[in-house]
């Protein structure tokens, strides 16, 4: 099976929905999946955020995110991106941890990368 790395760099409902959708598809097919949130995408680390807002196609991040959470898909959160937005780690989901560029590059070197 392949390794996939899904990078979410936007605080955008459609980008998050597609990122989570394709990460779920890859994981259900038995592939190894990692997620990494950078730039505005780190705002999706806040578990108090609304994940139910529908996209133009009628789906929402909440249609896919619970699967990723339940299956403990590792999600790195860019440390400087989160700190500069005053995100509180206490509000992160349990499958998330602060992470940095060196680990992102290491993961990307071994994976097929999708950017959202």
C-alpha atoms as a PDB file:
ATOM      1  CA  UNK A   1       0.000   0.000   0.000  1.00  0.00           C
ATOM      2  CA  UNK A   2       1.029   3.607  -0.544  1.00  0.00           C
ATOM      3  CA  UNK A   3       1.764   6.472   1.835  1.00  0.00           C
ATOM      4  CA  UNK A   4      -0.336   9.605   1.416  1.00  0.00           C
ATOM      5  CA  UNK A   5       0.200  13.021   2.964  1.00  0.00           C
ATOM      6  CA  UNK A   6      -2.693  15.484   2.835  1.00  0.00           C
ATOM      7  CA  UNK A   7      -1.719  19.101   3.516  1.00  0.00           C
ATOM      8  CA  UNK A   8      -4.445  21.586   4.391  1.00  0.00           C
ATOM      9  CA  UNK A   9      -3.241  25.173   4.037  1.00  0.00           C
ATOM     10  CA  UNK A  10      -6.498  27.107   3.866  1.00  0.00           C
ATOM     11  CA  UNK A  11      -9.147  28.113   6.348  1.00  0.00           C
ATOM     12  CA  UNK A  12     -11.727  27.185   3.733  1.00  0.00           C
ATOM     13  CA  UNK A  13     -14.729  24.888   4.108  1.00  0.00           C
ATOM     14  CA  UNK A  14     -14.464  23.352   0.625  1.00  0.00           C
ATOM     15  CA  UNK A  15     -10.710  22.767   0.904  1.00  0.00           C
ATOM     16  CA  UNK A  16     -11.152  21.072   4.290  1.00  0.00           C
ATOM     17  CA  UNK A  17     -14.044  18.946   3.042  1.00  0.00           C
ATOM     18  CA  UNK A  18     -12.057  17.653   0.064  1.00  0.00           C
ATOM     19  CA  UNK A  19      -8.907  17.125   2.131  1.00  0.00           C
ATOM     20  CA  UNK A  20     -10.792  15.066   4.711  1.00  0.00           C
ATOM     21  CA  UNK A  21     -12.793  13.225   2.044  1.00  0.00           C
ATOM     22  CA  UNK A  22      -9.758  12.030   0.107  1.00  0.00           C
ATOM     23  CA  UNK A  23      -7.835  11.221   3.280  1.00  0.00           C
ATOM     24  CA  UNK A  24     -10.748   9.040   4.384  1.00  0.00           C
ATOM     25  CA  UNK A  25     -10.936   7.322   0.994  1.00  0.00           C
ATOM     26  CA  UNK A  26      -7.205   6.554   1.022  1.00  0.00           C
ATOM     27  CA  UNK A  27      -7.359   5.236   4.584  1.00  0.00           C
ATOM     28  CA  UNK A  28     -10.401   3.022   3.945  1.00  0.00           C
ATOM     29  CA  UNK A  29      -8.518   1.510   0.991  1.00  0.00           C
ATOM     30  CA  UNK A  30      -5.761   0.474   3.415  1.00  0.00           C
ATOM     31  CA  UNK A  31      -3.176   3.153   2.604  1.00  0.00           C
ATOM     32  CA  UNK A  32      -1.112   4.901   5.263  1.00  0.00           C
ATOM     33  CA  UNK A  33      -2.421   8.460   5.712  1.00  0.00           C
ATOM     34  CA  UNK A  34      -1.008  11.505   7.484  1.00  0.00           C
ATOM     35  CA  UNK A  35      -2.455  15.002   7.574  1.00  0.00           C
ATOM     36  CA  UNK A  36      -0.622  18.261   8.144  1.00  0.00           C
ATOM     37  CA  UNK A  37      -2.258  21.652   8.680  1.00  0.00           C
ATOM     38  CA  UNK A  38      -0.293  24.781   7.744  1.00  0.00           C
ATOM     39  CA  UNK A  39      -1.025  28.490   7.319  1.00  0.00           C
ATOM     40  CA  UNK A  40      -4.776  29.178   7.629  1.00  0.00           C
ATOM     41  CA  UNK A  41      -5.481  25.432   7.639  1.00  0.00           C
ATOM     42  CA  UNK A  42      -4.423  25.264  11.296  1.00  0.00           C
ATOM     43  CA  UNK A  43      -7.777  26.820  12.180  1.00  0.00           C
ATOM     44  CA  UNK A  44      -9.311  23.367  11.520  1.00  0.00           C
ATOM     45  CA  UNK A  45      -7.429  22.048  14.557  1.00  0.00           C
ATOM     46  CA  UNK A  46      -9.961  23.735  16.858  1.00  0.00           C
ATOM     47  CA  UNK A  47     -12.451  21.102  17.962  1.00  0.00           C
ATOM     48  CA  UNK A  48     -14.932  23.860  18.869  1.00  0.00           C
ATOM     49  CA  UNK A  49     -15.190  24.918  15.232  1.00  0.00           C
ATOM     50  CA  UNK A  50     -18.296  24.244  13.125  1.00  0.00           C
ATOM     51  CA  UNK A  51     -17.645  21.235  10.887  1.00  0.00           C
ATOM     52  CA  UNK A  52     -21.228  21.046   9.600  1.00  0.00           C
ATOM     53  CA  UNK A  53     -21.213  23.874   7.050  1.00  0.00           C
ATOM     54  CA  UNK A  54     -22.188  22.370   3.682  1.00  0.00           C
ATOM     55  CA  UNK A  55     -20.235  22.833   0.457  1.00  0.00           C
ATOM     56  CA  UNK A  56     -21.833  23.468  -2.947  1.00  0.00           C
ATOM     57  CA  UNK A  57     -21.937  19.690  -3.458  1.00  0.00           C
ATOM     58  CA  UNK A  58     -23.889  19.181  -0.227  1.00  0.00           C
ATOM     59  CA  UNK A  59     -21.237  17.529   1.902  1.00  0.00           C
ATOM     60  CA  UNK A  60     -19.361  18.986   4.860  1.00  0.00           C
ATOM     61  CA  UNK A  61     -16.103  18.376   6.743  1.00  0.00           C
ATOM     62  CA  UNK A  62     -18.148  16.557   9.389  1.00  0.00           C
ATOM     63  CA  UNK A  63     -19.073  13.906   6.818  1.00  0.00           C
ATOM     64  CA  UNK A  64     -15.438  12.715   6.805  1.00  0.00           C
ATOM     65  CA  UNK A  65     -13.598  14.097   9.829  1.00  0.00           C
ATOM     66  CA  UNK A  66     -15.159  11.749  12.465  1.00  0.00           C
ATOM     67  CA  UNK A  67     -13.780   8.727  10.581  1.00  0.00           C
ATOM     68  CA  UNK A  68     -10.266  10.206  10.605  1.00  0.00           C
ATOM     69  CA  UNK A  69     -10.557  11.027  14.285  1.00  0.00           C
ATOM     70  CA  UNK A  70     -11.937   7.604  15.241  1.00  0.00           C
ATOM     71  CA  UNK A  71      -9.152   5.895  13.290  1.00  0.00           C
ATOM     72  CA  UNK A  72      -6.522   8.107  14.950  1.00  0.00           C
ATOM     73  CA  UNK A  73      -5.087   9.402  11.672  1.00  0.00           C
ATOM     74  CA  UNK A  74      -2.080  11.445  12.763  1.00  0.00           C
ATOM     75  CA  UNK A  75      -2.407  15.143  12.104  1.00  0.00           C
ATOM     76  CA  UNK A  76       0.490  17.536  12.488  1.00  0.00           C
ATOM     77  CA  UNK A  77      -0.224  21.178  13.223  1.00  0.00           C
ATOM     78  CA  UNK A  78       2.395  23.713  12.100  1.00  0.00           C
ATOM     79  CA  UNK A  79       3.789  25.109  15.344  1.00  0.00           C
ATOM     80  CA  UNK A  80       4.510  28.701  14.264  1.00  0.00           C
ATOM     81  CA  UNK A  81       1.267  28.863  12.252  1.00  0.00           C
ATOM     82  CA  UNK A  82      -0.764  27.830  15.304  1.00  0.00           C
ATOM     83  CA  UNK A  83       1.140  29.940  17.827  1.00  0.00           C
ATOM     84  CA  UNK A  84       0.905  33.088  15.687  1.00  0.00           C
ATOM     85  CA  UNK A  85      -2.875  32.574  15.510  1.00  0.00           C
ATOM     86  CA  UNK A  86      -3.053  32.079  19.296  1.00  0.00           C
ATOM     87  CA  UNK A  87      -4.493  28.584  18.971  1.00  0.00           C
ATOM     88  CA  UNK A  88      -4.730  26.744  22.257  1.00  0.00           C
ATOM     89  CA  UNK A  89      -3.447  23.164  22.133  1.00  0.00           C
ATOM     90  CA  UNK A  90      -6.103  22.242  24.696  1.00  0.00           C
ATOM     91  CA  UNK A  91      -8.699  22.787  21.934  1.00  0.00           C
ATOM     92  CA  UNK A  92      -6.961  20.392  19.510  1.00  0.00           C
ATOM     93  CA  UNK A  93      -8.414  17.003  18.667  1.00  0.00           C
ATOM     94  CA  UNK A  94      -6.650  14.017  20.307  1.00  0.00           C
ATOM     95  CA  UNK A  95      -5.042  12.866  17.027  1.00  0.00           C
ATOM     96  CA  UNK A  96      -3.239  16.219  16.637  1.00  0.00           C
ATOM     97  CA  UNK A  97       0.070  17.543  17.804  1.00  0.00           C
ATOM     98  CA  UNK A  98       2.223  20.548  17.099  1.00  0.00           C
ATOM     99  CA  UNK A  99       4.820  19.743  14.471  1.00  0.00           C
ATOM    100  CA  UNK A 100       7.335  21.450  12.243  1.00  0.00           C
ATOM    101  CA  UNK A 101       8.745  21.782   8.784  1.00  0.00           C
ATOM    102  CA  UNK A 102      11.542  19.206   9.172  1.00  0.00           C
ATOM    103  CA  UNK A 103       9.033  16.423   9.924  1.00  0.00           C
ATOM    104  CA  UNK A 104       6.739  17.628   7.126  1.00  0.00           C
ATOM    105  CA  UNK A 105       9.606  17.313   4.634  1.00  0.00           C
ATOM    106  CA  UNK A 106      10.497  13.846   5.947  1.00  0.00           C
ATOM    107  CA  UNK A 107       6.893  12.703   5.517  1.00  0.00           C
ATOM    108  CA  UNK A 108       6.665  14.239   2.040  1.00  0.00           C
ATOM    109  CA  UNK A 109       9.847  12.456   0.955  1.00  0.00           C
ATOM    110  CA  UNK A 110       8.124   9.119   1.549  1.00  0.00           C
ATOM    111  CA  UNK A 111       4.572   9.906   0.404  1.00  0.00           C
ATOM    112  CA  UNK A 112       2.323  11.030  -2.360  1.00  0.00           C
ATOM    113  CA  UNK A 113       1.386  14.576  -1.407  1.00  0.00           C
ATOM    114  CA  UNK A 114      -1.963  16.311  -1.912  1.00  0.00           C
ATOM    115  CA  UNK A 115      -2.314  20.026  -1.143  1.00  0.00           C
ATOM    116  CA  UNK A 116      -5.601  21.665  -0.284  1.00  0.00           C
END
